[in-house]
Amino acid sequence: MRASQNALDLIKTYEGCKLQAYEDQRGVWTVGWGTTGPGINERTVVSQGVANGMLLGDVSRVSQDVGALVGINLNQNQFDAVVSLVYNIGLGAFKSSTMLKLILAHKLPEAADEFPKWDHVNGVVNPGLLGRRLAEQKLFQT
């Protein structure tokens, strides 16, 4: 399964695009539509085209990773919501999550209830993250 435009739109809405690298709320160097990783530091500057390409590559990788974990247990909207979540929290956090366990147990209503629980940064509730999680939850339930 591949992420649809719904996943890209969610990610773009909540990540925003910055062409000059910045430290996110956790202190991770980030550029474009929320891309992190090796080679991104305080001197990183990208064009809009590069940022868009990075997003598509990142979402493709996240889609493959999510698909490998959840199999065919989700419809397109559910898959897109999970891809948006994993794009933000990382695959490692998702692999050990209650949400994944519930998805694999086919307990999708209970899995949807997990989205708002991912609204903290450094132990503090973040209103922006809560808004994103509620949007992901709504898409998941659609």
C-alpha atoms as a PDB file:
ATOM      1  CA  MET A   1       0.000   0.000   0.000  1.00  0.00           C
ATOM      2  CA  ARG A   2       1.186   3.540  -0.723  1.00  0.00           C
ATOM      3  CA  ALA A   3       0.354   6.752   1.070  1.00  0.00           C
ATOM      4  CA  SER A   4      -2.148   8.890  -0.799  1.00  0.00           C
ATOM      5  CA  GLN A   5      -2.400  12.643  -1.153  1.00  0.00           C
ATOM      6  CA  ASN A   6      -4.296  12.672   2.166  1.00  0.00           C
ATOM      7  CA  ALA A   7      -1.128  11.625   4.007  1.00  0.00           C
ATOM      8  CA  LEU A   8       0.969  14.196   2.160  1.00  0.00           C
ATOM      9  CA  ASP A   9      -1.563  16.930   2.885  1.00  0.00           C
ATOM     10  CA  LEU A  10      -1.652  16.075   6.594  1.00  0.00           C
ATOM     11  CA  ILE A  11       2.129  16.057   6.819  1.00  0.00           C
ATOM     12  CA  LYS A  12       2.464  19.328   4.912  1.00  0.00           C
ATOM     13  CA  THR A  13      -0.180  21.028   7.033  1.00  0.00           C
ATOM     14  CA  TYR A  14       1.456  20.189  10.323  1.00  0.00           C
ATOM     15  CA  GLU A  15       5.150  20.122   9.394  1.00  0.00           C
ATOM     16  CA  GLY A  16       5.265  23.275   7.306  1.00  0.00           C
ATOM     17  CA  CYS A  17       8.233  23.793   4.996  1.00  0.00           C
ATOM     18  CA  LYS A  18      11.441  25.560   5.978  1.00  0.00           C
ATOM     19  CA  LEU A  19      14.227  25.707   3.438  1.00  0.00           C
ATOM     20  CA  GLN A  20      16.839  26.662   6.046  1.00  0.00           C
ATOM     21  CA  ALA A  21      17.556  23.945   8.619  1.00  0.00           C
ATOM     22  CA  TYR A  22      16.295  24.533  12.157  1.00  0.00           C
ATOM     23  CA  GLU A  23      16.286  22.646  15.425  1.00  0.00           C
ATOM     24  CA  ASP A  24      12.896  21.157  16.175  1.00  0.00           C
ATOM     25  CA  GLN A  25      11.347  21.133  19.649  1.00  0.00           C
ATOM     26  CA  ARG A  26      13.453  18.126  20.602  1.00  0.00           C
ATOM     27  CA  GLY A  27      16.675  19.709  19.312  1.00  0.00           C
ATOM     28  CA  VAL A  28      16.866  17.641  16.092  1.00  0.00           C
ATOM     29  CA  TRP A  29      18.117  19.421  12.958  1.00  0.00           C
ATOM     30  CA  THR A  30      15.284  19.475  10.442  1.00  0.00           C
ATOM     31  CA  VAL A  31      14.773  20.909   6.944  1.00  0.00           C
ATOM     32  CA  GLY A  32      12.045  21.025   4.310  1.00  0.00           C
ATOM     33  CA  TRP A  33       8.807  19.315   5.280  1.00  0.00           C
ATOM     34  CA  GLY A  34      10.232  17.813   8.481  1.00  0.00           C
ATOM     35  CA  THR A  35      13.145  15.827   7.054  1.00  0.00           C
ATOM     36  CA  THR A  36      15.792  14.795   9.555  1.00  0.00           C
ATOM     37  CA  GLY A  37      18.814  12.564   9.396  1.00  0.00           C
ATOM     38  CA  PRO A  38      22.505  12.389   8.616  1.00  0.00           C
ATOM     39  CA  GLY A  39      23.863  15.388   6.777  1.00  0.00           C
ATOM     40  CA  ILE A  40      21.230  17.822   8.025  1.00  0.00           C
ATOM     41  CA  ASN A  41      22.793  20.447  10.249  1.00  0.00           C
ATOM     42  CA  GLU A  42      22.699  24.172  10.974  1.00  0.00           C
ATOM     43  CA  ARG A  43      24.238  24.957   7.556  1.00  0.00           C
ATOM     44  CA  THR A  44      21.746  22.931   5.493  1.00  0.00           C
ATOM     45  CA  VAL A  45      19.732  24.942   2.966  1.00  0.00           C
ATOM     46  CA  VAL A  46      17.562  23.368   0.259  1.00  0.00           C
ATOM     47  CA  SER A  47      15.400  24.588  -2.607  1.00  0.00           C
ATOM     48  CA  GLN A  48      11.642  24.064  -2.659  1.00  0.00           C
ATOM     49  CA  GLY A  49      12.086  21.366  -5.297  1.00  0.00           C
ATOM     50  CA  VAL A  50      14.620  19.512  -3.160  1.00  0.00           C
ATOM     51  CA  ALA A  51      12.367  19.821  -0.099  1.00  0.00           C
ATOM     52  CA  ASN A  52       9.434  18.401  -2.065  1.00  0.00           C
ATOM     53  CA  GLY A  53      11.591  15.536  -3.330  1.00  0.00           C
ATOM     54  CA  MET A  54      12.830  14.778   0.178  1.00  0.00           C
ATOM     55  CA  LEU A  55       9.226  14.630   1.404  1.00  0.00           C
ATOM     56  CA  LEU A  56       8.200  12.206  -1.326  1.00  0.00           C
ATOM     57  CA  GLY A  57      11.204   9.979  -0.623  1.00  0.00           C
ATOM     58  CA  ASP A  58      10.629  10.052   3.130  1.00  0.00           C
ATOM     59  CA  VAL A  59       6.918   9.280   2.785  1.00  0.00           C
ATOM     60  CA  SER A  60       7.680   6.439   0.374  1.00  0.00           C
ATOM     61  CA  ARG A  61      10.081   4.876   2.913  1.00  0.00           C
ATOM     62  CA  VAL A  62       7.634   5.371   5.787  1.00  0.00           C
ATOM     63  CA  SER A  63       4.852   3.834   3.683  1.00  0.00           C
ATOM     64  CA  GLN A  64       6.970   0.759   2.990  1.00  0.00           C
ATOM     65  CA  ASP A  65       7.886   0.422   6.658  1.00  0.00           C
ATOM     66  CA  VAL A  66       4.287   0.841   7.847  1.00  0.00           C
ATOM     67  CA  GLY A  67       3.027  -1.562   5.196  1.00  0.00           C
ATOM     68  CA  ALA A  68       5.538  -4.190   6.282  1.00  0.00           C
ATOM     69  CA  LEU A  69       4.374  -3.875   9.885  1.00  0.00           C
ATOM     70  CA  VAL A  70       0.597  -3.683   9.471  1.00  0.00           C
ATOM     71  CA  GLY A  71       0.108  -5.826   6.367  1.00  0.00           C
ATOM     72  CA  ILE A  72      -3.363  -5.420   4.891  1.00  0.00           C
ATOM     73  CA  ASN A  73      -5.124  -4.627   8.153  1.00  0.00           C
ATOM     74  CA  LEU A  74      -5.962  -1.011   7.193  1.00  0.00           C
ATOM     75  CA  ASN A  75      -8.013   0.848   4.604  1.00  0.00           C
ATOM     76  CA  GLN A  76      -6.419   3.765   2.706  1.00  0.00           C
ATOM     77  CA  ASN A  77      -7.497   6.469   5.170  1.00  0.00           C
ATOM     78  CA  GLN A  78      -6.290   4.436   8.139  1.00  0.00           C
ATOM     79  CA  PHE A  79      -2.993   3.761   6.401  1.00  0.00           C
ATOM     80  CA  ASP A  80      -2.540   7.454   5.550  1.00  0.00           C
ATOM     81  CA  ALA A  81      -3.208   8.486   9.144  1.00  0.00           C
ATOM     82  CA  VAL A  82      -0.657   5.990  10.446  1.00  0.00           C
ATOM     83  CA  VAL A  83       1.922   7.105   7.852  1.00  0.00           C
ATOM     84  CA  SER A  84       1.491  10.716   9.019  1.00  0.00           C
ATOM     85  CA  LEU A  85       1.941   9.634  12.632  1.00  0.00           C
ATOM     86  CA  VAL A  86       5.019   7.516  11.914  1.00  0.00           C
ATOM     87  CA  TYR A  87       6.537  10.264   9.760  1.00  0.00           C
ATOM     88  CA  ASN A  88       6.429  12.407  12.895  1.00  0.00           C
ATOM     89  CA  ILE A  89       7.208   9.994  15.741  1.00  0.00           C
ATOM     90  CA  GLY A  90       9.581   7.643  13.937  1.00  0.00           C
ATOM     91  CA  LEU A  91       9.412   3.960  13.116  1.00  0.00           C
ATOM     92  CA  GLY A  92      11.082   2.840  16.334  1.00  0.00           C
ATOM     93  CA  ALA A  93       8.438   4.445  18.506  1.00  0.00           C
ATOM     94  CA  PHE A  94       5.661   2.985  16.367  1.00  0.00           C
ATOM     95  CA  LYS A  95       7.123  -0.532  16.434  1.00  0.00           C
ATOM     96  CA  SER A  96       6.792  -0.673  20.203  1.00  0.00           C
ATOM     97  CA  SER A  97       3.462   1.156  20.381  1.00  0.00           C
ATOM     98  CA  THR A  98       0.148   0.005  21.759  1.00  0.00           C
ATOM     99  CA  MET A  99      -1.387   1.328  18.536  1.00  0.00           C
ATOM    100  CA  LEU A 100       0.497  -1.208  16.429  1.00  0.00           C
ATOM    101  CA  LYS A 101      -0.453  -4.020  18.794  1.00  0.00           C
ATOM    102  CA  LEU A 102      -4.118  -3.014  18.511  1.00  0.00           C
ATOM    103  CA  ILE A 103      -3.968  -2.773  14.719  1.00  0.00           C
ATOM    104  CA  LEU A 104      -2.440  -6.236  14.509  1.00  0.00           C
ATOM    105  CA  ALA A 105      -5.181  -7.521  16.832  1.00  0.00           C
ATOM    106  CA  HIS A 106      -7.797  -5.981  14.478  1.00  0.00           C
ATOM    107  CA  LYS A 107      -8.966  -3.651  17.263  1.00  0.00           C
ATOM    108  CA  LEU A 108      -9.184  -0.579  15.068  1.00  0.00           C
ATOM    109  CA  PRO A 109     -11.529   1.563  17.212  1.00  0.00           C
ATOM    110  CA  GLU A 110      -9.158   1.077  20.130  1.00  0.00           C
ATOM    111  CA  ALA A 111      -6.168   1.847  17.878  1.00  0.00           C
ATOM    112  CA  ALA A 112      -7.814   5.143  16.884  1.00  0.00           C
ATOM    113  CA  ASP A 113      -7.997   6.077  20.559  1.00  0.00           C
ATOM    114  CA  GLU A 114      -4.184   5.971  20.705  1.00  0.00           C
ATOM    115  CA  PHE A 115      -3.562   8.986  18.424  1.00  0.00           C
ATOM    116  CA  PRO A 116      -4.104  11.711  21.054  1.00  0.00           C
ATOM    117  CA  LYS A 117      -1.652   9.995  23.390  1.00  0.00           C
ATOM    118  CA  TRP A 118       1.219  11.076  21.102  1.00  0.00           C
ATOM    119  CA  ASP A 119       0.837  14.796  21.931  1.00  0.00           C
ATOM    120  CA  HIS A 120       3.872  15.379  24.174  1.00  0.00           C
ATOM    121  CA  VAL A 121       7.278  16.936  23.553  1.00  0.00           C
ATOM    122  CA  ASN A 122       9.803  16.393  26.327  1.00  0.00           C
ATOM    123  CA  GLY A 123       7.007  15.306  28.666  1.00  0.00           C
ATOM    124  CA  VAL A 124       4.821  18.364  28.060  1.00  0.00           C
ATOM    125  CA  VAL A 125       1.533  18.438  26.112  1.00  0.00           C
ATOM    126  CA  ASN A 126       2.041  20.321  22.845  1.00  0.00           C
ATOM    127  CA  PRO A 127      -1.140  21.938  21.452  1.00  0.00           C
ATOM    128  CA  GLY A 128       0.167  21.731  17.873  1.00  0.00           C
ATOM    129  CA  LEU A 129       0.826  18.023  18.211  1.00  0.00           C
ATOM    130  CA  LEU A 130      -2.569  17.467  19.769  1.00  0.00           C
ATOM    131  CA  GLY A 131      -4.199  19.181  16.770  1.00  0.00           C
ATOM    132  CA  ARG A 132      -2.226  16.971  14.413  1.00  0.00           C
ATOM    133  CA  ARG A 133      -3.124  13.829  16.333  1.00  0.00           C
ATOM    134  CA  LEU A 134      -6.810  14.700  16.304  1.00  0.00           C
ATOM    135  CA  ALA A 135      -6.656  15.270  12.532  1.00  0.00           C
ATOM    136  CA  GLU A 136      -4.898  11.916  12.084  1.00  0.00           C
ATOM    137  CA  GLN A 137      -7.452  10.252  14.326  1.00  0.00           C
ATOM    138  CA  LYS A 138     -10.317  11.737  12.328  1.00  0.00           C
ATOM    139  CA  LEU A 139      -8.805  10.503   9.054  1.00  0.00           C
ATOM    140  CA  PHE A 140      -8.222   7.058  10.599  1.00  0.00           C
ATOM    141  CA  GLN A 141     -11.896   6.896  11.592  1.00  0.00           C
ATOM    142  CA  THR A 142     -13.097   7.954   8.123  1.00  0.00           C
END
